[in-house]
Amino acid sequence: MQDSFSQERRLVKTSTPGIYKRGGRYVVVFRDPHGKQRKRSAKTLAEARDLKAALTADVKRGEFGTLHGWLRENIYRHGAKFTASELVQRVTGGPLSIAPYLDYLWGKYQPLYGLREEERLGAGVA
């Protein structure tokens, strides 16, 4: 039972870098101006691609209006109404998970060190 829930909440790569599918929604992963990883969700893949493009362009220009507007609408306005876990669930559509970070690390270091899939599974990272 736990495994099926875990698989359902896992981020699954799409053909677009930085966009993942979780359940019936898409998650856009990007870095804020301070280099911190952030996530935003979208209903469709097209919406997620548009969001990713807008966020990337804004950050490159040093403009954070899109990001700040989203934070104001989805995070700041709720204040202490939700716990951090509840807020993460509402915003991303799933619980906080280390899986996307581990996937990123695997994608970055697997080719560099020629790691095999068995090594990933043996480390409990799958």
C-alpha atoms as a PDB file:
ATOM      1  CA  MET A   1       0.000   0.000   0.000  1.00  0.00           C
ATOM      2  CA  GLN A   2       2.781   2.436   0.933  1.00  0.00           C
ATOM      3  CA  ASP A   3       4.631   1.584  -2.306  1.00  0.00           C
ATOM      4  CA  SER A   4       1.636   2.443  -4.509  1.00  0.00           C
ATOM      5  CA  PHE A   5       1.163   5.770  -2.719  1.00  0.00           C
ATOM      6  CA  SER A   6       4.883   6.490  -3.022  1.00  0.00           C
ATOM      7  CA  GLN A   7       4.853   5.696  -6.753  1.00  0.00           C
ATOM      8  CA  GLU A   8       1.766   7.881  -7.258  1.00  0.00           C
ATOM      9  CA  ARG A   9       3.407  10.920  -5.601  1.00  0.00           C
ATOM     10  CA  ARG A  10       6.774  10.510  -7.329  1.00  0.00           C
ATOM     11  CA  LEU A  11       7.874  13.077  -9.890  1.00  0.00           C
ATOM     12  CA  VAL A  12       8.170  11.496 -13.330  1.00  0.00           C
ATOM     13  CA  LYS A  13      10.406  13.110 -15.954  1.00  0.00           C
ATOM     14  CA  THR A  14       8.796  14.534 -19.080  1.00  0.00           C
ATOM     15  CA  SER A  15      10.452  15.304 -22.391  1.00  0.00           C
ATOM     16  CA  THR A  16      10.996  18.896 -21.214  1.00  0.00           C
ATOM     17  CA  PRO A  17      13.916  19.459 -18.818  1.00  0.00           C
ATOM     18  CA  GLY A  18      12.795  20.860 -15.468  1.00  0.00           C
ATOM     19  CA  ILE A  19       9.186  19.713 -15.882  1.00  0.00           C
ATOM     20  CA  TYR A  20       7.872  16.619 -14.142  1.00  0.00           C
ATOM     21  CA  LYS A  21       4.504  14.904 -13.903  1.00  0.00           C
ATOM     22  CA  ARG A  22       2.993  14.035 -10.533  1.00  0.00           C
ATOM     23  CA  GLY A  23      -0.434  12.482 -10.528  1.00  0.00           C
ATOM     24  CA  GLY A  24      -2.645  14.584 -12.790  1.00  0.00           C
ATOM     25  CA  ARG A  25      -0.499  17.733 -12.581  1.00  0.00           C
ATOM     26  CA  TYR A  26       2.855  18.983 -13.803  1.00  0.00           C
ATOM     27  CA  VAL A  27       5.612  20.388 -11.599  1.00  0.00           C
ATOM     28  CA  VAL A  28       8.052  23.038 -12.861  1.00  0.00           C
ATOM     29  CA  VAL A  29      11.414  23.007 -11.072  1.00  0.00           C
ATOM     30  CA  PHE A  30      13.607  26.111 -11.268  1.00  0.00           C
ATOM     31  CA  ARG A  31      16.153  28.111  -9.277  1.00  0.00           C
ATOM     32  CA  ASP A  32      15.387  31.452  -7.670  1.00  0.00           C
ATOM     33  CA  PRO A  33      17.843  34.403  -7.745  1.00  0.00           C
ATOM     34  CA  HIS A  34      19.691  33.005  -4.714  1.00  0.00           C
ATOM     35  CA  GLY A  35      20.138  29.582  -6.324  1.00  0.00           C
ATOM     36  CA  LYS A  36      17.498  27.873  -4.189  1.00  0.00           C
ATOM     37  CA  GLN A  37      15.429  25.239  -5.944  1.00  0.00           C
ATOM     38  CA  ARG A  38      11.738  26.110  -6.217  1.00  0.00           C
ATOM     39  CA  LYS A  39       8.699  24.306  -7.608  1.00  0.00           C
ATOM     40  CA  ARG A  40       5.476  25.506  -9.160  1.00  0.00           C
ATOM     41  CA  SER A  41       2.623  23.393 -10.403  1.00  0.00           C
ATOM     42  CA  ALA A  42       0.526  23.586 -13.573  1.00  0.00           C
ATOM     43  CA  LYS A  43      -2.514  21.708 -14.841  1.00  0.00           C
ATOM     44  CA  THR A  44      -1.254  20.938 -18.339  1.00  0.00           C
ATOM     45  CA  LEU A  45       2.119  20.313 -19.961  1.00  0.00           C
ATOM     46  CA  ALA A  46       1.644  23.348 -22.215  1.00  0.00           C
ATOM     47  CA  GLU A  47       0.913  25.534 -19.176  1.00  0.00           C
ATOM     48  CA  ALA A  48       3.989  24.119 -17.423  1.00  0.00           C
ATOM     49  CA  ARG A  49       6.197  24.881 -20.444  1.00  0.00           C
ATOM     50  CA  ASP A  50       4.887  28.451 -20.628  1.00  0.00           C
ATOM     51  CA  LEU A  51       5.460  28.890 -16.902  1.00  0.00           C
ATOM     52  CA  LYS A  52       9.012  27.512 -17.121  1.00  0.00           C
ATOM     53  CA  ALA A  53       9.838  29.853 -20.022  1.00  0.00           C
ATOM     54  CA  ALA A  54       8.394  32.894 -18.229  1.00  0.00           C
ATOM     55  CA  LEU A  55      10.211  32.157 -14.978  1.00  0.00           C
ATOM     56  CA  THR A  56      13.525  31.500 -16.711  1.00  0.00           C
ATOM     57  CA  ALA A  57      13.289  34.701 -18.763  1.00  0.00           C
ATOM     58  CA  ASP A  58      12.297  36.786 -15.730  1.00  0.00           C
ATOM     59  CA  VAL A  59      15.153  35.499 -13.586  1.00  0.00           C
ATOM     60  CA  LYS A  60      17.692  36.070 -16.386  1.00  0.00           C
ATOM     61  CA  ARG A  61      16.492  39.676 -16.719  1.00  0.00           C
ATOM     62  CA  GLY A  62      16.633  40.166 -12.965  1.00  0.00           C
ATOM     63  CA  GLU A  63      12.860  40.619 -12.808  1.00  0.00           C
ATOM     64  CA  PHE A  64      11.015  38.625 -10.216  1.00  0.00           C
ATOM     65  CA  GLY A  65       7.468  39.921 -10.611  1.00  0.00           C
ATOM     66  CA  THR A  66       6.109  36.596 -11.897  1.00  0.00           C
ATOM     67  CA  LEU A  67       7.778  34.696  -9.087  1.00  0.00           C
ATOM     68  CA  HIS A  68       6.811  37.231  -6.422  1.00  0.00           C
ATOM     69  CA  GLY A  69       3.204  37.303  -7.634  1.00  0.00           C
ATOM     70  CA  TRP A  70       2.979  33.536  -7.427  1.00  0.00           C
ATOM     71  CA  LEU A  71       4.555  33.488  -3.954  1.00  0.00           C
ATOM     72  CA  ARG A  72       2.144  36.177  -2.779  1.00  0.00           C
ATOM     73  CA  GLU A  73      -0.872  34.297  -4.170  1.00  0.00           C
ATOM     74  CA  ASN A  74       0.073  30.777  -3.095  1.00  0.00           C
ATOM     75  CA  ILE A  75       2.325  31.122  -0.030  1.00  0.00           C
ATOM     76  CA  TYR A  76       2.341  34.499   1.704  1.00  0.00           C
ATOM     77  CA  ARG A  77      -1.420  35.076   1.769  1.00  0.00           C
ATOM     78  CA  HIS A  78      -1.983  31.934   3.809  1.00  0.00           C
ATOM     79  CA  GLY A  79       0.228  33.093   6.673  1.00  0.00           C
ATOM     80  CA  ALA A  80      -0.100  30.640   9.561  1.00  0.00           C
ATOM     81  CA  LYS A  81      -3.336  29.125   8.253  1.00  0.00           C
ATOM     82  CA  PHE A  82      -1.539  25.926   7.141  1.00  0.00           C
ATOM     83  CA  THR A  83       1.414  23.970   8.455  1.00  0.00           C
ATOM     84  CA  ALA A  84       4.493  23.805   6.223  1.00  0.00           C
ATOM     85  CA  SER A  85       3.591  20.228   5.218  1.00  0.00           C
ATOM     86  CA  GLU A  86       0.042  21.221   4.306  1.00  0.00           C
ATOM     87  CA  LEU A  87       1.300  24.170   2.271  1.00  0.00           C
ATOM     88  CA  VAL A  88       3.766  21.988   0.354  1.00  0.00           C
ATOM     89  CA  GLN A  89       0.931  19.526  -0.351  1.00  0.00           C
ATOM     90  CA  ARG A  90      -1.363  22.309  -1.613  1.00  0.00           C
ATOM     91  CA  VAL A  91       1.266  23.979  -3.800  1.00  0.00           C
ATOM     92  CA  THR A  92       2.997  20.967  -5.352  1.00  0.00           C
ATOM     93  CA  GLY A  93       0.186  18.421  -5.209  1.00  0.00           C
ATOM     94  CA  GLY A  94       2.246  16.040  -3.069  1.00  0.00           C
ATOM     95  CA  PRO A  95       4.285  15.713   0.083  1.00  0.00           C
ATOM     96  CA  LEU A  96       7.809  17.042   0.426  1.00  0.00           C
ATOM     97  CA  SER A  97      10.158  14.554  -1.201  1.00  0.00           C
ATOM     98  CA  ILE A  98      13.866  14.138  -1.728  1.00  0.00           C
ATOM     99  CA  ALA A  99      13.262  12.040  -4.871  1.00  0.00           C
ATOM    100  CA  PRO A 100      13.594  14.931  -7.398  1.00  0.00           C
ATOM    101  CA  TYR A 101      16.929  15.960  -5.893  1.00  0.00           C
ATOM    102  CA  LEU A 102      18.196  12.386  -5.977  1.00  0.00           C
ATOM    103  CA  ASP A 103      17.051  12.094  -9.611  1.00  0.00           C
ATOM    104  CA  TYR A 104      18.956  15.294 -10.396  1.00  0.00           C
ATOM    105  CA  LEU A 105      22.109  13.986  -8.719  1.00  0.00           C
ATOM    106  CA  TRP A 106      21.820  10.647 -10.504  1.00  0.00           C
ATOM    107  CA  GLY A 107      21.406  12.360 -13.887  1.00  0.00           C
ATOM    108  CA  LYS A 108      24.413  14.552 -13.217  1.00  0.00           C
ATOM    109  CA  TYR A 109      26.849  12.025 -11.743  1.00  0.00           C
ATOM    110  CA  GLN A 110      25.814   8.746 -13.373  1.00  0.00           C
ATOM    111  CA  PRO A 111      27.374   9.601 -16.765  1.00  0.00           C
ATOM    112  CA  LEU A 112      30.387  11.248 -15.142  1.00  0.00           C
ATOM    113  CA  TYR A 113      31.304   8.205 -13.045  1.00  0.00           C
ATOM    114  CA  GLY A 114      29.729   5.514 -15.238  1.00  0.00           C
ATOM    115  CA  LEU A 115      27.471   4.282 -12.438  1.00  0.00           C
ATOM    116  CA  ARG A 116      25.194   1.318 -13.077  1.00  0.00           C
ATOM    117  CA  GLU A 117      21.486   1.187 -12.235  1.00  0.00           C
ATOM    118  CA  GLU A 118      22.192  -1.608  -9.719  1.00  0.00           C
ATOM    119  CA  GLU A 119      24.377   0.819  -7.768  1.00  0.00           C
ATOM    120  CA  ARG A 120      21.491   3.258  -7.576  1.00  0.00           C
ATOM    121  CA  LEU A 121      19.093   0.561  -6.415  1.00  0.00           C
ATOM    122  CA  GLY A 122      21.617  -0.752  -3.884  1.00  0.00           C
ATOM    123  CA  ALA A 123      21.936   2.704  -2.362  1.00  0.00           C
ATOM    124  CA  GLY A 124      18.182   2.883  -1.781  1.00  0.00           C
ATOM    125  CA  VAL A 125      17.803   5.790  -4.206  1.00  0.00           C
ATOM    126  CA  ALA A 126      15.371   4.210  -6.667  1.00  0.00           C
END
